N, C-alpha and C. Protein backbone atom coordinates (compact mmCIF):
# COMPACT_ATOMS: atom_id res chain seq x y z
N MET A 1 2.90 4.31 15.96
CA MET A 1 3.75 3.78 17.02
C MET A 1 5.00 4.63 17.11
N SER A 2 5.31 5.13 18.30
CA SER A 2 6.45 6.03 18.47
C SER A 2 7.71 5.29 18.93
N GLU A 3 7.56 4.07 19.39
CA GLU A 3 8.71 3.30 19.88
C GLU A 3 9.59 2.87 18.71
N LYS A 4 10.92 2.86 18.94
CA LYS A 4 11.88 2.46 17.91
C LYS A 4 11.75 0.96 17.68
N LEU A 5 11.63 0.59 16.40
CA LEU A 5 11.51 -0.82 16.03
C LEU A 5 12.72 -1.24 15.22
N TYR A 6 13.09 -2.53 15.33
CA TYR A 6 14.26 -3.06 14.64
C TYR A 6 13.84 -4.21 13.74
N THR A 7 14.30 -4.17 12.50
CA THR A 7 13.92 -5.15 11.49
C THR A 7 14.55 -6.50 11.77
N VAL A 8 13.73 -7.56 11.70
CA VAL A 8 14.23 -8.93 11.87
C VAL A 8 13.92 -9.81 10.66
N GLY A 9 13.13 -9.29 9.71
CA GLY A 9 12.82 -10.07 8.52
C GLY A 9 11.94 -9.30 7.56
N LYS A 10 11.74 -9.90 6.39
CA LYS A 10 10.90 -9.30 5.38
C LYS A 10 9.95 -10.36 4.83
N ILE A 11 8.67 -10.00 4.74
CA ILE A 11 7.68 -10.91 4.15
C ILE A 11 7.84 -10.80 2.63
N VAL A 12 8.29 -11.88 2.00
CA VAL A 12 8.57 -11.83 0.57
C VAL A 12 7.44 -12.42 -0.27
N ASN A 13 6.59 -13.25 0.33
CA ASN A 13 5.50 -13.84 -0.44
C ASN A 13 4.55 -14.57 0.49
N THR A 14 3.44 -15.01 -0.07
CA THR A 14 2.51 -15.86 0.67
C THR A 14 2.93 -17.31 0.45
N HIS A 15 2.35 -18.21 1.25
CA HIS A 15 2.66 -19.63 1.10
C HIS A 15 1.36 -20.41 1.32
N GLY A 16 0.85 -21.00 0.28
CA GLY A 16 -0.39 -21.75 0.39
C GLY A 16 -1.60 -20.84 0.56
N ILE A 17 -2.73 -21.43 0.96
CA ILE A 17 -3.98 -20.66 1.07
C ILE A 17 -4.43 -20.46 2.51
N ARG A 18 -3.68 -20.99 3.47
CA ARG A 18 -4.10 -20.92 4.87
C ARG A 18 -3.59 -19.69 5.62
N GLY A 19 -2.94 -18.77 4.91
CA GLY A 19 -2.48 -17.54 5.55
C GLY A 19 -1.04 -17.56 6.01
N GLU A 20 -0.25 -18.49 5.51
CA GLU A 20 1.17 -18.52 5.85
C GLU A 20 1.93 -17.56 4.94
N VAL A 21 3.05 -17.04 5.45
CA VAL A 21 3.90 -16.15 4.66
C VAL A 21 5.33 -16.67 4.65
N LYS A 22 6.06 -16.33 3.58
CA LYS A 22 7.48 -16.65 3.47
C LYS A 22 8.24 -15.43 3.97
N VAL A 23 9.14 -15.67 4.92
CA VAL A 23 9.89 -14.57 5.52
C VAL A 23 11.39 -14.78 5.30
N MET A 24 12.04 -13.75 4.74
CA MET A 24 13.50 -13.73 4.61
C MET A 24 14.04 -13.17 5.92
N PRO A 25 14.78 -13.98 6.71
CA PRO A 25 15.27 -13.47 8.00
C PRO A 25 16.40 -12.46 7.82
N TYR A 26 16.37 -11.39 8.62
CA TYR A 26 17.42 -10.37 8.67
C TYR A 26 18.06 -10.35 10.06
N THR A 27 18.11 -11.48 10.72
CA THR A 27 18.59 -11.54 12.09
C THR A 27 19.40 -12.80 12.32
N ASP A 28 20.34 -12.73 13.27
CA ASP A 28 21.10 -13.91 13.66
C ASP A 28 20.33 -14.77 14.65
N PHE A 29 19.22 -14.25 15.15
CA PHE A 29 18.44 -14.94 16.18
C PHE A 29 17.08 -15.36 15.65
N ALA A 30 17.04 -15.85 14.40
CA ALA A 30 15.77 -16.16 13.74
C ALA A 30 14.95 -17.19 14.52
N ASP A 31 15.59 -18.20 15.10
CA ASP A 31 14.84 -19.22 15.84
C ASP A 31 14.07 -18.61 17.00
N GLN A 32 14.65 -17.63 17.70
CA GLN A 32 13.95 -16.97 18.80
C GLN A 32 12.92 -15.97 18.29
N ARG A 33 13.27 -15.22 17.26
CA ARG A 33 12.37 -14.18 16.74
C ARG A 33 11.07 -14.78 16.20
N PHE A 34 11.18 -15.91 15.52
CA PHE A 34 10.03 -16.51 14.86
C PHE A 34 9.47 -17.72 15.62
N ALA A 35 9.81 -17.84 16.90
CA ALA A 35 9.31 -18.94 17.73
C ALA A 35 7.83 -18.74 18.03
N LYS A 36 7.15 -19.82 18.34
CA LYS A 36 5.72 -19.77 18.66
C LYS A 36 5.48 -18.76 19.79
N ASN A 37 4.43 -17.96 19.65
CA ASN A 37 3.99 -16.93 20.60
C ASN A 37 4.86 -15.67 20.63
N SER A 38 5.84 -15.54 19.70
CA SER A 38 6.64 -14.33 19.63
C SER A 38 5.78 -13.19 19.07
N THR A 39 5.98 -12.00 19.63
CA THR A 39 5.27 -10.82 19.15
C THR A 39 6.15 -10.08 18.14
N LEU A 40 5.56 -9.80 16.99
CA LEU A 40 6.25 -9.07 15.94
C LEU A 40 5.36 -7.95 15.45
N TYR A 41 5.93 -7.02 14.70
CA TYR A 41 5.17 -5.93 14.11
C TYR A 41 5.38 -5.96 12.60
N ILE A 42 4.27 -5.97 11.85
CA ILE A 42 4.35 -5.88 10.40
C ILE A 42 4.31 -4.40 10.05
N VAL A 43 5.34 -3.95 9.34
CA VAL A 43 5.51 -2.52 9.07
C VAL A 43 5.80 -2.32 7.58
N PRO A 44 5.17 -1.32 6.94
CA PRO A 44 5.53 -1.02 5.55
C PRO A 44 6.99 -0.61 5.46
N GLU A 45 7.63 -0.86 4.32
CA GLU A 45 9.05 -0.51 4.16
C GLU A 45 9.30 0.98 4.29
N THR A 46 8.28 1.79 4.10
CA THR A 46 8.45 3.24 4.11
C THR A 46 8.54 3.84 5.52
N GLY A 47 8.17 3.11 6.56
CA GLY A 47 8.25 3.65 7.91
C GLY A 47 7.43 2.87 8.90
N ASN A 48 7.43 3.31 10.17
CA ASN A 48 6.73 2.59 11.23
C ASN A 48 5.26 2.94 11.33
N ALA A 49 4.79 3.89 10.54
CA ALA A 49 3.38 4.27 10.61
C ALA A 49 2.52 3.10 10.13
N GLY A 50 1.49 2.81 10.88
CA GLY A 50 0.60 1.72 10.49
C GLY A 50 1.12 0.35 10.85
N ALA A 51 1.94 0.25 11.89
CA ALA A 51 2.46 -1.05 12.32
C ALA A 51 1.32 -1.94 12.83
N THR A 52 1.32 -3.20 12.43
CA THR A 52 0.32 -4.17 12.85
C THR A 52 0.98 -5.21 13.75
N GLN A 53 0.51 -5.32 14.98
CA GLN A 53 1.08 -6.29 15.90
C GLN A 53 0.50 -7.67 15.61
N VAL A 54 1.39 -8.67 15.53
CA VAL A 54 0.98 -10.05 15.27
C VAL A 54 1.73 -10.99 16.20
N THR A 55 1.17 -12.19 16.36
CA THR A 55 1.77 -13.22 17.20
C THR A 55 2.01 -14.46 16.36
N VAL A 56 3.19 -15.05 16.46
CA VAL A 56 3.53 -16.24 15.68
C VAL A 56 2.75 -17.43 16.22
N GLU A 57 2.01 -18.08 15.33
CA GLU A 57 1.29 -19.31 15.69
C GLU A 57 2.14 -20.54 15.40
N THR A 58 2.69 -20.58 14.18
CA THR A 58 3.61 -21.66 13.80
C THR A 58 4.72 -21.08 12.94
N SER A 59 5.86 -21.77 12.94
CA SER A 59 7.01 -21.32 12.17
C SER A 59 7.86 -22.53 11.84
N ARG A 60 8.36 -22.55 10.61
CA ARG A 60 9.29 -23.62 10.22
C ARG A 60 10.28 -23.08 9.20
N TYR A 61 11.48 -23.64 9.23
CA TYR A 61 12.54 -23.22 8.31
C TYR A 61 12.44 -24.06 7.05
N HIS A 62 12.47 -23.39 5.89
CA HIS A 62 12.33 -24.11 4.63
C HIS A 62 13.04 -23.34 3.52
N LYS A 63 14.07 -23.95 2.92
CA LYS A 63 14.80 -23.36 1.80
C LYS A 63 15.27 -21.93 2.09
N ASN A 64 16.04 -21.75 3.16
CA ASN A 64 16.63 -20.47 3.56
C ASN A 64 15.61 -19.40 3.95
N MET A 65 14.38 -19.79 4.17
CA MET A 65 13.35 -18.85 4.61
C MET A 65 12.54 -19.50 5.72
N TYR A 66 11.74 -18.67 6.37
CA TYR A 66 10.82 -19.17 7.39
C TYR A 66 9.41 -19.08 6.84
N ILE A 67 8.65 -20.14 7.05
CA ILE A 67 7.22 -20.15 6.71
C ILE A 67 6.50 -19.90 8.03
N ILE A 68 5.79 -18.78 8.11
CA ILE A 68 5.19 -18.37 9.38
C ILE A 68 3.69 -18.18 9.22
N LYS A 69 2.95 -18.64 10.22
CA LYS A 69 1.50 -18.42 10.32
C LYS A 69 1.27 -17.58 11.55
N PHE A 70 0.54 -16.46 11.39
CA PHE A 70 0.22 -15.58 12.50
C PHE A 70 -1.17 -15.87 13.03
N LYS A 71 -1.35 -15.80 14.35
CA LYS A 71 -2.64 -16.08 14.98
C LYS A 71 -3.74 -15.14 14.50
N GLU A 72 -3.38 -13.90 14.21
CA GLU A 72 -4.37 -12.88 13.86
C GLU A 72 -4.80 -12.91 12.40
N LEU A 73 -4.04 -13.59 11.54
CA LEU A 73 -4.32 -13.58 10.11
C LEU A 73 -4.73 -14.97 9.63
N HIS A 74 -5.87 -15.02 8.92
CA HIS A 74 -6.42 -16.31 8.49
C HIS A 74 -6.68 -16.26 6.99
N GLY A 75 -6.02 -17.08 6.25
CA GLY A 75 -6.27 -17.19 4.82
C GLY A 75 -5.39 -16.26 3.98
N ILE A 76 -5.26 -16.67 2.72
CA ILE A 76 -4.38 -15.95 1.80
C ILE A 76 -4.85 -14.52 1.56
N ASN A 77 -6.16 -14.29 1.57
CA ASN A 77 -6.68 -12.94 1.32
C ASN A 77 -6.23 -11.94 2.38
N GLU A 78 -6.06 -12.37 3.61
CA GLU A 78 -5.64 -11.46 4.69
C GLU A 78 -4.14 -11.18 4.67
N VAL A 79 -3.33 -12.12 4.20
CA VAL A 79 -1.88 -11.92 4.22
C VAL A 79 -1.32 -11.36 2.91
N GLU A 80 -2.11 -11.45 1.85
CA GLU A 80 -1.66 -10.98 0.53
C GLU A 80 -1.17 -9.54 0.57
N LYS A 81 -1.86 -8.68 1.30
CA LYS A 81 -1.53 -7.25 1.34
C LYS A 81 -0.21 -6.97 2.06
N TYR A 82 0.33 -7.96 2.79
CA TYR A 82 1.57 -7.74 3.54
C TYR A 82 2.82 -8.15 2.77
N LYS A 83 2.68 -8.60 1.53
CA LYS A 83 3.87 -8.93 0.72
C LYS A 83 4.74 -7.69 0.59
N GLY A 84 6.04 -7.83 0.83
CA GLY A 84 6.97 -6.72 0.72
C GLY A 84 7.12 -5.89 1.98
N THR A 85 6.42 -6.24 3.04
CA THR A 85 6.54 -5.49 4.30
C THR A 85 7.63 -6.09 5.17
N LEU A 86 8.01 -5.34 6.21
CA LEU A 86 9.06 -5.78 7.12
C LEU A 86 8.47 -6.30 8.41
N LEU A 87 9.17 -7.24 9.04
CA LEU A 87 8.83 -7.71 10.38
C LEU A 87 9.81 -7.09 11.35
N LYS A 88 9.30 -6.47 12.41
CA LYS A 88 10.16 -5.76 13.35
C LYS A 88 9.84 -6.17 14.79
N ILE A 89 10.79 -5.84 15.67
CA ILE A 89 10.63 -6.06 17.11
C ILE A 89 10.93 -4.76 17.84
N THR A 90 10.52 -4.70 19.11
CA THR A 90 10.85 -3.54 19.94
C THR A 90 12.23 -3.73 20.55
N ALA A 91 12.82 -2.64 21.04
CA ALA A 91 14.18 -2.68 21.60
C ALA A 91 14.29 -3.65 22.77
N ASP A 92 13.25 -3.75 23.59
CA ASP A 92 13.33 -4.62 24.76
C ASP A 92 13.35 -6.10 24.40
N MET A 93 13.07 -6.44 23.16
CA MET A 93 13.09 -7.84 22.73
C MET A 93 14.45 -8.26 22.17
N GLN A 94 15.40 -7.32 22.08
CA GLN A 94 16.71 -7.66 21.55
C GLN A 94 17.50 -8.51 22.54
N GLU A 95 18.30 -9.40 22.00
CA GLU A 95 19.16 -10.27 22.80
C GLU A 95 20.37 -9.47 23.30
N GLU A 96 20.87 -9.82 24.47
CA GLU A 96 22.13 -9.24 24.94
C GLU A 96 23.26 -9.89 24.16
N LEU A 97 24.17 -9.06 23.66
CA LEU A 97 25.29 -9.57 22.88
C LEU A 97 26.57 -9.56 23.70
N PRO A 98 27.53 -10.45 23.37
CA PRO A 98 28.84 -10.38 24.02
C PRO A 98 29.49 -9.03 23.75
N ASP A 99 30.50 -8.69 24.55
CA ASP A 99 31.15 -7.37 24.45
C ASP A 99 31.72 -7.06 23.07
N ASP A 100 32.17 -8.09 22.34
CA ASP A 100 32.82 -7.84 21.05
C ASP A 100 31.87 -7.98 19.86
N GLU A 101 30.55 -8.03 20.11
CA GLU A 101 29.57 -8.12 19.04
C GLU A 101 28.61 -6.94 19.14
N PHE A 102 28.08 -6.52 17.98
CA PHE A 102 27.24 -5.33 17.93
C PHE A 102 26.10 -5.52 16.96
N TYR A 103 24.99 -4.86 17.24
CA TYR A 103 23.90 -4.79 16.28
C TYR A 103 24.27 -3.78 15.20
N PHE A 104 23.77 -3.98 13.99
CA PHE A 104 24.07 -3.07 12.88
C PHE A 104 23.71 -1.64 13.24
N HIS A 105 22.54 -1.44 13.87
CA HIS A 105 22.10 -0.08 14.17
C HIS A 105 23.01 0.61 15.18
N GLU A 106 23.80 -0.16 15.94
CA GLU A 106 24.76 0.44 16.88
C GLU A 106 26.02 0.92 16.16
N ILE A 107 26.33 0.31 15.02
CA ILE A 107 27.56 0.61 14.28
C ILE A 107 27.33 1.69 13.23
N ILE A 108 26.21 1.59 12.51
CA ILE A 108 25.93 2.57 11.45
C ILE A 108 25.78 3.95 12.07
N GLY A 109 26.50 4.90 11.50
CA GLY A 109 26.49 6.27 12.01
C GLY A 109 27.69 6.60 12.88
N CYS A 110 28.51 5.60 13.24
CA CYS A 110 29.71 5.85 14.04
C CYS A 110 30.77 6.55 13.20
N ARG A 111 31.49 7.48 13.83
CA ARG A 111 32.66 8.10 13.19
C ARG A 111 33.81 7.12 13.26
N VAL A 112 34.67 7.16 12.26
CA VAL A 112 35.81 6.24 12.19
C VAL A 112 37.10 7.06 12.20
N ILE A 113 38.01 6.70 13.15
CA ILE A 113 39.32 7.34 13.22
C ILE A 113 40.40 6.27 13.13
N THR A 114 41.60 6.71 12.70
CA THR A 114 42.72 5.77 12.59
C THR A 114 43.46 5.69 13.92
N ASP A 115 44.34 4.70 14.04
CA ASP A 115 45.14 4.55 15.26
C ASP A 115 46.46 5.32 15.17
N ASP A 116 46.62 6.13 14.11
CA ASP A 116 47.82 6.94 13.95
C ASP A 116 47.88 8.03 15.01
N GLU A 117 49.07 8.60 15.21
CA GLU A 117 49.23 9.77 16.09
C GLU A 117 49.64 10.95 15.25
N PRO A 118 48.91 12.01 15.12
CA PRO A 118 47.56 12.16 15.66
C PRO A 118 46.55 11.36 14.82
N ALA A 119 45.44 11.03 15.43
CA ALA A 119 44.40 10.24 14.75
C ALA A 119 43.79 11.04 13.61
N GLU A 120 43.52 10.34 12.52
CA GLU A 120 42.90 10.96 11.35
C GLU A 120 41.46 10.46 11.25
N GLU A 121 40.52 11.38 11.05
CA GLU A 121 39.12 10.96 10.90
C GLU A 121 38.89 10.57 9.45
N LEU A 122 38.39 9.33 9.26
CA LEU A 122 38.16 8.81 7.91
C LEU A 122 36.78 9.16 7.39
N GLY A 123 35.77 9.12 8.26
CA GLY A 123 34.40 9.36 7.84
C GLY A 123 33.42 8.69 8.78
N THR A 124 32.26 8.34 8.25
CA THR A 124 31.19 7.75 9.04
C THR A 124 30.74 6.44 8.42
N ILE A 125 30.44 5.44 9.24
CA ILE A 125 29.97 4.15 8.74
C ILE A 125 28.55 4.34 8.21
N SER A 126 28.36 4.05 6.91
CA SER A 126 27.06 4.27 6.29
C SER A 126 26.25 2.99 6.11
N GLU A 127 26.94 1.85 6.01
CA GLU A 127 26.23 0.58 5.88
C GLU A 127 27.17 -0.56 6.21
N ILE A 128 26.59 -1.75 6.37
CA ILE A 128 27.37 -2.95 6.66
C ILE A 128 27.00 -4.01 5.63
N LEU A 129 28.01 -4.53 4.95
CA LEU A 129 27.81 -5.58 3.96
C LEU A 129 28.13 -6.93 4.61
N THR A 130 27.42 -7.97 4.19
CA THR A 130 27.66 -9.31 4.73
C THR A 130 27.94 -10.28 3.58
N PRO A 131 29.13 -10.17 2.96
CA PRO A 131 29.42 -10.98 1.78
C PRO A 131 29.78 -12.44 2.07
N GLY A 132 30.19 -12.75 3.29
CA GLY A 132 30.57 -14.15 3.54
C GLY A 132 31.33 -14.32 4.83
N ALA A 133 32.64 -14.53 4.71
CA ALA A 133 33.47 -14.88 5.86
C ALA A 133 33.39 -13.86 6.99
N ASN A 134 33.40 -12.57 6.65
CA ASN A 134 33.28 -11.53 7.67
C ASN A 134 32.51 -10.35 7.09
N ASP A 135 31.93 -9.55 7.98
CA ASP A 135 31.22 -8.36 7.54
C ASP A 135 32.21 -7.33 7.02
N VAL A 136 31.71 -6.41 6.20
CA VAL A 136 32.50 -5.31 5.68
C VAL A 136 31.77 -4.02 6.04
N TRP A 137 32.46 -3.12 6.73
CA TRP A 137 31.88 -1.85 7.12
C TRP A 137 32.22 -0.81 6.07
N VAL A 138 31.20 -0.14 5.55
CA VAL A 138 31.38 0.87 4.51
C VAL A 138 31.47 2.24 5.18
N VAL A 139 32.63 2.89 5.00
CA VAL A 139 32.87 4.21 5.58
C VAL A 139 32.76 5.25 4.48
N ARG A 140 31.85 6.21 4.66
CA ARG A 140 31.70 7.31 3.69
C ARG A 140 32.52 8.49 4.18
N THR A 141 33.45 8.95 3.32
CA THR A 141 34.32 10.07 3.68
C THR A 141 33.60 11.39 3.47
N ALA A 142 34.19 12.47 3.94
CA ALA A 142 33.62 13.81 3.76
C ALA A 142 33.54 14.17 2.28
N GLU A 143 34.45 13.61 1.46
CA GLU A 143 34.46 13.87 0.02
C GLU A 143 33.45 13.00 -0.73
N GLY A 144 32.76 12.10 -0.01
CA GLY A 144 31.75 11.25 -0.65
C GLY A 144 32.29 9.92 -1.15
N LYS A 145 33.57 9.65 -0.93
CA LYS A 145 34.15 8.36 -1.34
C LYS A 145 33.78 7.30 -0.32
N GLU A 146 33.95 6.04 -0.71
CA GLU A 146 33.68 4.92 0.20
C GLU A 146 34.96 4.15 0.47
N ILE A 147 35.15 3.80 1.74
CA ILE A 147 36.27 2.95 2.16
C ILE A 147 35.64 1.68 2.72
N LEU A 148 36.09 0.53 2.25
CA LEU A 148 35.57 -0.75 2.72
C LEU A 148 36.53 -1.32 3.75
N LEU A 149 36.04 -1.50 4.97
CA LEU A 149 36.87 -2.04 6.05
C LEU A 149 36.36 -3.42 6.46
N PRO A 150 37.20 -4.44 6.37
CA PRO A 150 36.76 -5.76 6.84
C PRO A 150 36.63 -5.74 8.37
N ALA A 151 35.54 -6.30 8.87
CA ALA A 151 35.31 -6.31 10.32
C ALA A 151 36.06 -7.48 10.94
N ILE A 152 37.39 -7.33 11.01
CA ILE A 152 38.26 -8.34 11.60
C ILE A 152 39.08 -7.67 12.69
N PRO A 153 39.54 -8.43 13.68
CA PRO A 153 40.27 -7.84 14.81
C PRO A 153 41.53 -7.06 14.41
N ASP A 154 42.20 -7.44 13.31
CA ASP A 154 43.40 -6.71 12.88
C ASP A 154 43.08 -5.30 12.39
N VAL A 155 41.85 -5.06 11.96
CA VAL A 155 41.45 -3.76 11.41
C VAL A 155 40.62 -2.97 12.42
N ILE A 156 39.59 -3.56 12.97
CA ILE A 156 38.71 -2.89 13.93
C ILE A 156 39.31 -3.06 15.32
N LEU A 157 39.91 -2.00 15.84
CA LEU A 157 40.62 -2.09 17.12
C LEU A 157 39.72 -1.82 18.32
N ASP A 158 38.83 -0.83 18.19
CA ASP A 158 38.01 -0.44 19.35
C ASP A 158 36.70 0.15 18.85
N VAL A 159 35.59 -0.28 19.47
CA VAL A 159 34.27 0.26 19.14
C VAL A 159 33.67 0.83 20.41
N ASP A 160 33.44 2.13 20.39
CA ASP A 160 32.79 2.82 21.52
C ASP A 160 31.39 3.21 21.04
N LYS A 161 30.43 2.28 21.25
CA LYS A 161 29.09 2.52 20.70
C LYS A 161 28.35 3.64 21.43
N HIS A 162 28.73 3.93 22.66
CA HIS A 162 28.07 5.00 23.41
C HIS A 162 28.45 6.37 22.86
N ASN A 163 29.73 6.54 22.46
CA ASN A 163 30.20 7.80 21.87
C ASN A 163 30.19 7.76 20.35
N LYS A 164 29.70 6.64 19.77
CA LYS A 164 29.62 6.46 18.32
C LYS A 164 30.97 6.70 17.64
N LEU A 165 32.01 6.00 18.15
CA LEU A 165 33.37 6.17 17.64
C LEU A 165 34.03 4.81 17.46
N VAL A 166 34.65 4.61 16.30
CA VAL A 166 35.35 3.37 15.99
C VAL A 166 36.79 3.71 15.65
N ARG A 167 37.75 3.02 16.31
CA ARG A 167 39.18 3.22 16.04
C ARG A 167 39.66 2.03 15.21
N VAL A 168 40.33 2.32 14.08
CA VAL A 168 40.75 1.28 13.17
C VAL A 168 42.24 1.36 12.85
N HIS A 169 42.80 0.25 12.44
CA HIS A 169 44.18 0.18 11.94
C HIS A 169 44.08 -0.07 10.45
N LEU A 170 44.64 0.85 9.66
CA LEU A 170 44.59 0.70 8.21
C LEU A 170 45.76 -0.16 7.74
N MET A 171 45.45 -1.40 7.41
CA MET A 171 46.48 -2.30 6.89
C MET A 171 46.84 -1.85 5.48
N GLU A 172 48.02 -2.20 5.05
CA GLU A 172 48.50 -1.82 3.73
C GLU A 172 47.53 -2.31 2.66
N GLY A 173 47.16 -1.42 1.75
CA GLY A 173 46.26 -1.78 0.64
C GLY A 173 44.79 -1.51 0.89
N LEU A 174 44.41 -1.08 2.08
CA LEU A 174 42.99 -0.83 2.36
C LEU A 174 42.49 0.46 1.73
N LEU A 175 43.36 1.45 1.56
CA LEU A 175 42.92 2.72 0.97
C LEU A 175 43.20 2.76 -0.52
């Protein structure tokens, strides 16, 4: 499959003998992603090669995970081989977000500059952590160091996802 796919969950285990799987959601839109008749792709963690298209037959939330049964897979023997794989969607299935919200893949890889005059380039966003109250954007500098920026309005001033550029205000103590 050559189309870009986006991860929405991970199959962590089987559930029962009827072919249900336990899915750890990696999305804010889990109710829509795992709704009945939703199309998903089961993909190995190593890449999109060998993606298997499946359709959700049933889904329920249980102990911070989703228990999902796919129409195409019947019984534990058929789903056992998918333990540890990712569930993905195509780009056209993504929800439209408000102007001040972004998908992780839109933020990762953006260059980060300060609001100083002249602006100083800090580095590139390499990952996003979700520890609790707010996300934390990890900026990798040219020297290989990491700067942790809380994703709050006082710090993140402007995000230009089309030009992959983020302007930030460095509050005292962030560096």
